[in-house]
Amino acid sequence: MTGREQAEAVIRYIRTERSIRRLQQRTEDVECELILTKDAVISSERDFPLWKVWDISARTASGRYWFLYLHTDEGVFAFRTEEPPDGFIGRYNKLKN
């Protein structure tokens, strides 16, 4: 089973990729999914075992975006999303308690 099939909650986030071609910097936004399962939070870059996740918080930015912050034992990881993260955070809190 993939993480998506075991998902307790899913939220789309935007990852910005930067590259340089012919001396020009290019920026591209790529849409990814942050998946919450009973055991982990899974992003496109890495998996965070749930026992290493201390908390999840969020802040709105400019009314269009939210930043979802994953607080872990390795630091804080930020994910930019266009949808309110309340449902994702609420489901995480139910799993942790």
PDB file of N, CA and C in Angstrom:
ATOM      1  N   MET A   1       0.824  -1.196   0.000  1.00  0.00           N
ATOM      2  CA  MET A   1       0.000   0.000   0.000  1.00  0.00           C
ATOM      3  C   MET A   1       0.865   1.255   0.000  1.00  0.00           C
ATOM      4  N   THR A   2       0.446   2.231  -0.735  1.00  0.00           N
ATOM      5  CA  THR A   2       1.159   3.504  -0.724  1.00  0.00           C
ATOM      6  C   THR A   2       0.626   4.380   0.394  1.00  0.00           C
ATOM      7  N   GLY A   3       1.340   5.443   0.686  1.00  0.00           N
ATOM      8  CA  GLY A   3       0.897   6.380   1.715  1.00  0.00           C
ATOM      9  C   GLY A   3      -0.465   6.971   1.403  1.00  0.00           C
ATOM     10  N   ARG A   4      -0.727   7.212   0.125  1.00  0.00           N
ATOM     11  CA  ARG A   4      -2.013   7.809  -0.287  1.00  0.00           C
ATOM     12  C   ARG A   4      -3.176   6.879   0.060  1.00  0.00           C
ATOM     13  N   GLU A   5      -2.977   5.567  -0.091  1.00  0.00           N
ATOM     14  CA  GLU A   5      -4.034   4.596   0.206  1.00  0.00           C
ATOM     15  C   GLU A   5      -4.304   4.490   1.705  1.00  0.00           C
ATOM     16  N   GLN A   6      -3.305   4.783   2.522  1.00  0.00           N
ATOM     17  CA  GLN A   6      -3.439   4.707   3.975  1.00  0.00           C
ATOM     18  C   GLN A   6      -3.725   6.076   4.591  1.00  0.00           C
ATOM     19  N   ALA A   7      -4.014   7.057   3.778  1.00  0.00           N
ATOM     20  CA  ALA A   7      -4.103   8.444   4.239  1.00  0.00           C
ATOM     21  C   ALA A   7      -5.240   8.675   5.225  1.00  0.00           C
ATOM     22  N   GLU A   8      -4.889   9.348   6.310  1.00  0.00           N
ATOM     23  CA  GLU A   8      -5.868   9.867   7.263  1.00  0.00           C
ATOM     24  C   GLU A   8      -6.292  11.271   6.830  1.00  0.00           C
ATOM     25  N   ALA A   9      -5.348  11.993   6.208  1.00  0.00           N
ATOM     26  CA  ALA A   9      -5.598  13.346   5.703  1.00  0.00           C
ATOM     27  C   ALA A   9      -4.557  13.662   4.629  1.00  0.00           C
ATOM     28  N   VAL A  10      -4.955  14.486   3.679  1.00  0.00           N
ATOM     29  CA  VAL A  10      -4.056  14.901   2.596  1.00  0.00           C
ATOM     30  C   VAL A  10      -4.259  16.394   2.369  1.00  0.00           C
ATOM     31  N   ILE A  11      -3.152  17.109   2.179  1.00  0.00           N
ATOM     32  CA  ILE A  11      -3.235  18.520   1.815  1.00  0.00           C
ATOM     33  C   ILE A  11      -2.219  18.774   0.705  1.00  0.00           C
ATOM     34  N   ARG A  12      -2.616  19.551  -0.288  1.00  0.00           N
ATOM     35  CA  ARG A  12      -1.701  19.906  -1.370  1.00  0.00           C
ATOM     36  C   ARG A  12      -0.829  21.076  -0.921  1.00  0.00           C
ATOM     37  N   TYR A  13       0.446  21.009  -1.291  1.00  0.00           N
ATOM     38  CA  TYR A  13       1.341  22.131  -1.004  1.00  0.00           C
ATOM     39  C   TYR A  13       2.144  22.451  -2.247  1.00  0.00           C
ATOM     40  N   ILE A  14       2.761  23.615  -2.230  1.00  0.00           N
ATOM     41  CA  ILE A  14       3.503  24.107  -3.383  1.00  0.00           C
ATOM     42  C   ILE A  14       4.986  24.146  -3.034  1.00  0.00           C
ATOM     43  N   ARG A  15       5.766  23.435  -3.838  1.00  0.00           N
ATOM     44  CA  ARG A  15       7.223  23.438  -3.678  1.00  0.00           C
ATOM     45  C   ARG A  15       7.801  24.273  -4.819  1.00  0.00           C
ATOM     46  N   THR A  16       8.637  25.229  -4.492  1.00  0.00           N
ATOM     47  CA  THR A  16       9.255  26.083  -5.502  1.00  0.00           C
ATOM     48  C   THR A  16      10.604  25.499  -5.890  1.00  0.00           C
ATOM     49  N   GLU A  17      10.770  25.236  -7.178  1.00  0.00           N
ATOM     50  CA  GLU A  17      12.038  24.717  -7.697  1.00  0.00           C
ATOM     51  C   GLU A  17      12.729  25.816  -8.483  1.00  0.00           C
ATOM     52  N   ARG A  18      14.013  25.955  -8.242  1.00  0.00           N
ATOM     53  CA  ARG A  18      14.798  26.966  -8.943  1.00  0.00           C
ATOM     54  C   ARG A  18      15.875  26.271  -9.769  1.00  0.00           C
ATOM     55  N   SER A  19      16.102  26.792 -10.964  1.00  0.00           N
ATOM     56  CA  SER A  19      17.157  26.254 -11.817  1.00  0.00           C
ATOM     57  C   SER A  19      17.774  27.403 -12.606  1.00  0.00           C
ATOM     58  N   ILE A  20      18.972  27.161 -13.109  1.00  0.00           N
ATOM     59  CA  ILE A  20      19.656  28.166 -13.926  1.00  0.00           C
ATOM     60  C   ILE A  20      19.925  27.539 -15.290  1.00  0.00           C
ATOM     61  N   ARG A  21      19.453  28.233 -16.320  1.00  0.00           N
ATOM     62  CA  ARG A  21      19.687  27.801 -17.693  1.00  0.00           C
ATOM     63  C   ARG A  21      20.126  29.003 -18.502  1.00  0.00           C
ATOM     64  N   ARG A  22      21.229  28.844 -19.191  1.00  0.00           N
ATOM     65  CA  ARG A  22      21.755  29.916 -20.042  1.00  0.00           C
ATOM     66  C   ARG A  22      21.839  31.235 -19.284  1.00  0.00           C
ATOM     67  N   LEU A  23      22.361  31.152 -18.093  1.00  0.00           N
ATOM     68  CA  LEU A  23      22.599  32.300 -17.227  1.00  0.00           C
ATOM     69  C   LEU A  23      21.325  32.995 -16.762  1.00  0.00           C
ATOM     70  N   GLN A  24      20.198  32.325 -16.876  1.00  0.00           N
ATOM     71  CA  GLN A  24      18.935  32.878 -16.379  1.00  0.00           C
ATOM     72  C   GLN A  24      18.379  31.959 -15.298  1.00  0.00           C
ATOM     73  N   GLN A  25      17.983  32.589 -14.206  1.00  0.00           N
ATOM     74  CA  GLN A  25      17.355  31.806 -13.146  1.00  0.00           C
ATOM     75  C   GLN A  25      15.879  31.618 -13.470  1.00  0.00           C
ATOM     76  N   ARG A  26      15.431  30.391 -13.361  1.00  0.00           N
ATOM     77  CA  ARG A  26      14.018  30.074 -13.590  1.00  0.00           C
ATOM     78  C   ARG A  26      13.419  29.558 -12.296  1.00  0.00           C
ATOM     79  N   THR A  27      12.186  29.955 -12.053  1.00  0.00           N
ATOM     80  CA  THR A  27      11.460  29.517 -10.861  1.00  0.00           C
ATOM     81  C   THR A  27      10.178  28.838 -11.318  1.00  0.00           C
ATOM     82  N   GLU A  28       9.941  27.651 -10.774  1.00  0.00           N
ATOM     83  CA  GLU A  28       8.734  26.908 -11.128  1.00  0.00           C
ATOM     84  C   GLU A  28       8.083  26.387  -9.853  1.00  0.00           C
ATOM     85  N   ASP A  29       6.781  26.600  -9.734  1.00  0.00           N
ATOM     86  CA  ASP A  29       6.021  26.058  -8.610  1.00  0.00           C
ATOM     87  C   ASP A  29       5.486  24.687  -8.992  1.00  0.00           C
ATOM     88  N   VAL A  30       5.750  23.708  -8.133  1.00  0.00           N
ATOM     89  CA  VAL A  30       5.313  22.334  -8.356  1.00  0.00           C
ATOM     90  C   VAL A  30       4.339  21.965  -7.247  1.00  0.00           C
ATOM     91  N   GLU A  31       3.170  21.440  -7.623  1.00  0.00           N
ATOM     92  CA  GLU A  31       2.177  21.038  -6.627  1.00  0.00           C
ATOM     93  C   GLU A  31       2.480  19.616  -6.152  1.00  0.00           C
ATOM     94  N   CYS A  32       2.509  19.443  -4.832  1.00  0.00           N
ATOM     95  CA  CYS A  32       2.793  18.151  -4.209  1.00  0.00           C
ATOM     96  C   CYS A  32       1.729  17.869  -3.153  1.00  0.00           C
ATOM     97  N   GLU A  33       1.788  16.684  -2.563  1.00  0.00           N
ATOM     98  CA  GLU A  33       0.851  16.330  -1.502  1.00  0.00           C
ATOM     99  C   GLU A  33       1.596  16.023  -0.214  1.00  0.00           C
ATOM    100  N   LEU A  34       1.040  16.503   0.884  1.00  0.00           N
ATOM    101  CA  LEU A  34       1.501  16.144   2.216  1.00  0.00           C
ATOM    102  C   LEU A  34       0.458  15.166   2.741  1.00  0.00           C
ATOM    103  N   ILE A  35       0.904  13.955   3.053  1.00  0.00           N
ATOM    104  CA  ILE A  35      -0.006  12.872   3.417  1.00  0.00           C
ATOM    105  C   ILE A  35       0.212  12.494   4.874  1.00  0.00           C
ATOM    106  N   LEU A  36      -0.872  12.465   5.629  1.00  0.00           N
ATOM    107  CA  LEU A  36      -0.839  12.038   7.025  1.00  0.00           C
ATOM    108  C   LEU A  36      -1.380  10.618   7.100  1.00  0.00           C
ATOM    109  N   THR A  37      -0.563   9.700   7.624  1.00  0.00           N
ATOM    110  CA  THR A  37      -1.016   8.336   7.877  1.00  0.00           C
ATOM    111  C   THR A  37      -0.964   8.101   9.383  1.00  0.00           C
ATOM    112  N   LYS A  38      -1.345   6.918   9.818  1.00  0.00           N
ATOM    113  CA  LYS A  38      -1.295   6.607  11.250  1.00  0.00           C
ATOM    114  C   LYS A  38       0.135   6.549  11.768  1.00  0.00           C
ATOM    115  N   ASP A  39       1.110   6.385  10.849  1.00  0.00           N
ATOM    116  CA  ASP A  39       2.502   6.210  11.253  1.00  0.00           C
ATOM    117  C   ASP A  39       3.441   7.338  10.858  1.00  0.00           C
ATOM    118  N   ALA A  40       3.034   8.184   9.906  1.00  0.00           N
ATOM    119  CA  ALA A  40       3.989   9.163   9.378  1.00  0.00           C
ATOM    120  C   ALA A  40       3.284  10.320   8.687  1.00  0.00           C
ATOM    121  N   VAL A  41       4.064  11.377   8.482  1.00  0.00           N
ATOM    122  CA  VAL A  41       3.687  12.463   7.582  1.00  0.00           C
ATOM    123  C   VAL A  41       4.638  12.328   6.396  1.00  0.00           C
ATOM    124  N   ILE A  42       4.073  12.220   5.199  1.00  0.00           N
ATOM    125  CA  ILE A  42       4.864  11.932   4.008  1.00  0.00           C
ATOM    126  C   ILE A  42       4.788  13.121   3.057  1.00  0.00           C
ATOM    127  N   SER A  43       5.972  13.650   2.696  1.00  0.00           N
ATOM    128  CA  SER A  43       6.037  14.728   1.706  1.00  0.00           C
ATOM    129  C   SER A  43       6.731  14.182   0.461  1.00  0.00           C
ATOM    130  N   SER A  44       6.860  15.002  -0.560  1.00  0.00           N
ATOM    131  CA  SER A  44       7.537  14.556  -1.778  1.00  0.00           C
ATOM    132  C   SER A  44       9.038  14.378  -1.556  1.00  0.00           C
ATOM    133  N   GLU A  45       9.583  15.047  -0.536  1.00  0.00           N
ATOM    134  CA  GLU A  45      11.016  14.978  -0.296  1.00  0.00           C
ATOM    135  C   GLU A  45      11.416  13.930   0.738  1.00  0.00           C
ATOM    136  N   ARG A  46      10.536  13.683   1.730  1.00  0.00           N
ATOM    137  CA  ARG A  46      10.922  12.768   2.812  1.00  0.00           C
ATOM    138  C   ARG A  46       9.719  12.343   3.631  1.00  0.00           C
ATOM    139  N   ASP A  47       9.931  11.318   4.426  1.00  0.00           N
ATOM    140  CA  ASP A  47       8.919  10.823   5.361  1.00  0.00           C
ATOM    141  C   ASP A  47       9.313  11.231   6.772  1.00  0.00           C
ATOM    142  N   PHE A  48       8.324  11.634   7.568  1.00  0.00           N
ATOM    143  CA  PHE A  48       8.535  11.994   8.964  1.00  0.00           C
ATOM    144  C   PHE A  48       7.755  11.000   9.825  1.00  0.00           C
ATOM    145  N   PRO A  49       8.425  10.062  10.501  1.00  0.00           N
ATOM    146  CA  PRO A  49       7.696   9.160  11.396  1.00  0.00           C
ATOM    147  C   PRO A  49       6.916   9.980  12.419  1.00  0.00           C
ATOM    148  N   LEU A  50       5.699   9.569  12.712  1.00  0.00           N
ATOM    149  CA  LEU A  50       4.828  10.357  13.581  1.00  0.00           C
ATOM    150  C   LEU A  50       5.413  10.547  14.973  1.00  0.00           C
ATOM    151  N   TRP A  51       6.193   9.580  15.453  1.00  0.00           N
ATOM    152  CA  TRP A  51       6.776   9.717  16.787  1.00  0.00           C
ATOM    153  C   TRP A  51       7.864  10.786  16.828  1.00  0.00           C
ATOM    154  N   LYS A  52       8.342  11.224  15.642  1.00  0.00           N
ATOM    155  CA  LYS A  52       9.331  12.304  15.579  1.00  0.00           C
ATOM    156  C   LYS A  52       8.692  13.675  15.362  1.00  0.00           C
ATOM    157  N   VAL A  53       7.375  13.697  15.111  1.00  0.00           N
ATOM    158  CA  VAL A  53       6.656  14.958  14.892  1.00  0.00           C
ATOM    159  C   VAL A  53       6.099  15.426  16.226  1.00  0.00           C
ATOM    160  N   TRP A  54       6.551  16.596  16.684  1.00  0.00           N
ATOM    161  CA  TRP A  54       6.110  17.131  17.974  1.00  0.00           C
ATOM    162  C   TRP A  54       4.793  17.881  17.859  1.00  0.00           C
ATOM    163  N   ASP A  55       4.627  18.616  16.751  1.00  0.00           N
ATOM    164  CA  ASP A  55       3.436  19.451  16.604  1.00  0.00           C
ATOM    165  C   ASP A  55       3.316  19.890  15.147  1.00  0.00           C
ATOM    166  N   ILE A  56       2.125  20.343  14.780  1.00  0.00           N
ATOM    167  CA  ILE A  56       1.893  20.968  13.483  1.00  0.00           C
ATOM    168  C   ILE A  56       1.145  22.273  13.743  1.00  0.00           C
ATOM    169  N   SER A  57       1.654  23.354  13.165  1.00  0.00           N
ATOM    170  CA  SER A  57       0.992  24.651  13.320  1.00  0.00           C
ATOM    171  C   SER A  57       0.868  25.295  11.940  1.00  0.00           C
ATOM    172  N   ALA A  58       0.162  26.417  11.878  1.00  0.00           N
ATOM    173  CA  ALA A  58      -0.015  27.096  10.592  1.00  0.00           C
ATOM    174  C   ALA A  58      -0.180  28.589  10.800  1.00  0.00           C
ATOM    175  N   ARG A  59       0.149  29.329   9.758  1.00  0.00           N
ATOM    176  CA  ARG A  59      -0.050  30.783   9.728  1.00  0.00           C
ATOM    177  C   ARG A  59      -0.496  31.164   8.333  1.00  0.00           C
ATOM    178  N   THR A  60      -1.346  32.152   8.269  1.00  0.00           N
ATOM    179  CA  THR A  60      -1.767  32.650   6.965  1.00  0.00           C
ATOM    180  C   THR A  60      -0.748  33.675   6.472  1.00  0.00           C
ATOM    181  N   ALA A  61      -0.609  33.745   5.163  1.00  0.00           N
ATOM    182  CA  ALA A  61       0.308  34.709   4.559  1.00  0.00           C
ATOM    183  C   ALA A  61      -0.417  35.388   3.403  1.00  0.00           C
ATOM    184  N   SER A  62      -0.619  36.645   3.503  1.00  0.00           N
ATOM    185  CA  SER A  62      -1.222  37.488   2.458  1.00  0.00           C
ATOM    186  C   SER A  62      -2.649  37.085   2.083  1.00  0.00           C
ATOM    187  N   GLY A  63      -3.317  36.323   2.908  1.00  0.00           N
ATOM    188  CA  GLY A  63      -4.691  35.949   2.635  1.00  0.00           C
ATOM    189  C   GLY A  63      -4.867  34.903   1.545  1.00  0.00           C
ATOM    190  N   ARG A  64      -3.838  34.643   0.770  1.00  0.00           N
ATOM    191  CA  ARG A  64      -3.927  33.652  -0.311  1.00  0.00           C
ATOM    192  C   ARG A  64      -3.256  32.336   0.063  1.00  0.00           C
ATOM    193  N   TYR A  65      -2.198  32.403   0.822  1.00  0.00           N
ATOM    194  CA  TYR A  65      -1.431  31.217   1.176  1.00  0.00           C
ATOM    195  C   TYR A  65      -1.442  30.998   2.679  1.00  0.00           C
ATOM    196  N   TRP A  66      -1.223  29.758   3.070  1.00  0.00           N
ATOM    197  CA  TRP A  66      -0.956  29.409   4.455  1.00  0.00           C
ATOM    198  C   TRP A  66       0.382  28.703   4.469  1.00  0.00           C
ATOM    199  N   PHE A  67       1.081  28.834   5.579  1.00  0.00           N
ATOM    200  CA  PHE A  67       2.281  28.049   5.802  1.00  0.00           C
ATOM    201  C   PHE A  67       1.980  27.052   6.898  1.00  0.00           C
ATOM    202  N   LEU A  68       2.127  25.779   6.579  1.00  0.00           N
ATOM    203  CA  LEU A  68       1.952  24.708   7.542  1.00  0.00           C
ATOM    204  C   LEU A  68       3.343  24.354   8.049  1.00  0.00           C
ATOM    205  N   TYR A  69       3.527  24.382   9.356  1.00  0.00           N
ATOM    206  CA  TYR A  69       4.830  24.116   9.962  1.00  0.00           C
ATOM    207  C   TYR A  69       4.803  22.771  10.661  1.00  0.00           C
ATOM    208  N   LEU A  70       5.718  21.916  10.270  1.00  0.00           N
ATOM    209  CA  LEU A  70       5.868  20.605  10.875  1.00  0.00           C
ATOM    210  C   LEU A  70       7.032  20.698  11.858  1.00  0.00           C
ATOM    211  N   HIS A  71       6.728  20.617  13.152  1.00  0.00           N
ATOM    212  CA  HIS A  71       7.745  20.712  14.201  1.00  0.00           C
ATOM    213  C   HIS A  71       8.218  19.296  14.527  1.00  0.00           C
ATOM    214  N   THR A  72       9.493  19.023  14.272  1.00  0.00           N
ATOM    215  CA  THR A  72      10.029  17.679  14.476  1.00  0.00           C
ATOM    216  C   THR A  72      11.274  17.733  15.352  1.00  0.00           C
ATOM    217  N   ASP A  73      11.794  16.560  15.681  1.00  0.00           N
ATOM    218  CA  ASP A  73      13.026  16.516  16.463  1.00  0.00           C
ATOM    219  C   ASP A  73      14.244  16.906  15.621  1.00  0.00           C
ATOM    220  N   GLU A  74      14.066  17.099  14.314  1.00  0.00           N
ATOM    221  CA  GLU A  74      15.150  17.542  13.436  1.00  0.00           C
ATOM    222  C   GLU A  74      15.008  19.003  13.022  1.00  0.00           C
ATOM    223  N   GLY A  75      13.997  19.685  13.544  1.00  0.00           N
ATOM    224  CA  GLY A  75      13.780  21.082  13.197  1.00  0.00           C
ATOM    225  C   GLY A  75      12.369  21.319  12.695  1.00  0.00           C
ATOM    226  N   VAL A  76      12.139  22.521  12.189  1.00  0.00           N
ATOM    227  CA  VAL A  76      10.823  22.913  11.689  1.00  0.00           C
ATOM    228  C   VAL A  76      10.870  22.929  10.161  1.00  0.00           C
ATOM    229  N   PHE A  77       9.884  22.292   9.540  1.00  0.00           N
ATOM    230  CA  PHE A  77       9.785  22.220   8.091  1.00  0.00           C
ATOM    231  C   PHE A  77       8.518  22.951   7.661  1.00  0.00           C
ATOM    232  N   ALA A  78       8.650  23.866   6.702  1.00  0.00           N
ATOM    233  CA  ALA A  78       7.523  24.693   6.262  1.00  0.00           C
ATOM    234  C   ALA A  78       7.000  24.199   4.917  1.00  0.00           C
ATOM    235  N   PHE A  79       5.677  24.210   4.789  1.00  0.00           N
ATOM    236  CA  PHE A  79       5.007  23.820   3.558  1.00  0.00           C
ATOM    237  C   PHE A  79       4.001  24.913   3.205  1.00  0.00           C
ATOM    238  N   ARG A  80       4.099  25.451   1.985  1.00  0.00           N
ATOM    239  CA  ARG A  80       3.193  26.512   1.533  1.00  0.00           C
ATOM    240  C   ARG A  80       1.981  25.871   0.861  1.00  0.00           C
ATOM    241  N   THR A  81       0.806  26.251   1.301  1.00  0.00           N
ATOM    242  CA  THR A  81      -0.421  25.668   0.768  1.00  0.00           C
ATOM    243  C   THR A  81      -1.431  26.759   0.434  1.00  0.00           C
ATOM    244  N   GLU A  82      -2.301  26.474  -0.511  1.00  0.00           N
ATOM    245  CA  GLU A  82      -3.352  27.424  -0.881  1.00  0.00           C
ATOM    246  C   GLU A  82      -4.668  27.106  -0.193  1.00  0.00           C
ATOM    247  N   GLU A  83      -4.734  25.993   0.509  1.00  0.00           N
ATOM    248  CA  GLU A  83      -5.972  25.613   1.195  1.00  0.00           C
ATOM    249  C   GLU A  83      -5.775  25.674   2.706  1.00  0.00           C
ATOM    250  N   PRO A  84      -6.806  26.026   3.440  1.00  0.00           N
ATOM    251  CA  PRO A  84      -6.678  26.101   4.898  1.00  0.00           C
ATOM    252  C   PRO A  84      -6.273  24.738   5.471  1.00  0.00           C
ATOM    253  N   PRO A  85      -5.261  24.703   6.330  1.00  0.00           N
ATOM    254  CA  PRO A  85      -4.768  23.436   6.860  1.00  0.00           C
ATOM    255  C   PRO A  85      -5.490  22.943   8.113  1.00  0.00           C
ATOM    256  N   ASP A  86      -6.596  23.572   8.487  1.00  0.00           N
ATOM    257  CA  ASP A  86      -7.280  23.223   9.736  1.00  0.00           C
ATOM    258  C   ASP A  86      -7.666  21.746   9.816  1.00  0.00           C
ATOM    259  N   GLY A  87      -8.217  21.196   8.742  1.00  0.00           N
ATOM    260  CA  GLY A  87      -8.629  19.795   8.742  1.00  0.00           C
ATOM    261  C   GLY A  87      -7.455  18.852   8.914  1.00  0.00           C
ATOM    262  N   PHE A  88      -6.345  19.148   8.245  1.00  0.00           N
ATOM    263  CA  PHE A  88      -5.139  18.330   8.340  1.00  0.00           C
ATOM    264  C   PHE A  88      -4.601  18.360   9.767  1.00  0.00           C
ATOM    265  N   ILE A  89      -4.523  19.559  10.341  1.00  0.00           N
ATOM    266  CA  ILE A  89      -4.013  19.708  11.710  1.00  0.00           C
ATOM    267  C   ILE A  89      -4.952  19.031  12.709  1.00  0.00           C
ATOM    268  N   GLY A  90      -6.255  19.183  12.519  1.00  0.00           N
ATOM    269  CA  GLY A  90      -7.223  18.547  13.409  1.00  0.00           C
ATOM    270  C   GLY A  90      -7.106  17.034  13.395  1.00  0.00           C
ATOM    271  N   ARG A  91      -6.924  16.465  12.204  1.00  0.00           N
ATOM    272  CA  ARG A  91      -6.779  15.004  12.106  1.00  0.00           C
ATOM    273  C   ARG A  91      -5.482  14.553  12.772  1.00  0.00           C
ATOM    274  N   TYR A  92      -4.399  15.322  12.603  1.00  0.00           N
ATOM    275  CA  TYR A  92      -3.133  15.007  13.272  1.00  0.00           C
ATOM    276  C   TYR A  92      -3.327  15.004  14.792  1.00  0.00           C
ATOM    277  N   ASN A  93      -3.996  16.025  15.318  1.00  0.00           N
ATOM    278  CA  ASN A  93      -4.215  16.110  16.768  1.00  0.00           C
ATOM    279  C   ASN A  93      -5.017  14.921  17.287  1.00  0.00           C
ATOM    280  N   LYS A  94      -5.994  14.446  16.524  1.00  0.00           N
ATOM    281  CA  LYS A  94      -6.765  13.267  16.939  1.00  0.00           C
ATOM    282  C   LYS A  94      -5.893  12.012  16.957  1.00  0.00           C
ATOM    283  N   LEU A  95      -5.003  11.896  15.977  1.00  0.00           N
ATOM    284  CA  LEU A  95      -4.113  10.734  15.941  1.00  0.00           C
ATOM    285  C   LEU A  95      -3.115  10.738  17.093  1.00  0.00           C
ATOM    286  N   LYS A  96      -2.597  11.909  17.425  1.00  0.00           N
ATOM    287  CA  LYS A  96      -1.579  12.014  18.479  1.00  0.00           C
ATOM    288  C   LYS A  96      -2.159  11.842  19.876  1.00  0.00           C
ATOM    289  N   ASN A  97      -3.441  12.112  20.063  1.00  0.00           N
ATOM    290  CA  ASN A  97      -4.050  12.026  21.400  1.00  0.00           C
ATOM    291  C   ASN A  97      -4.762  10.755  21.597  1.00  0.00           C
TER     292      ASN A  97
END
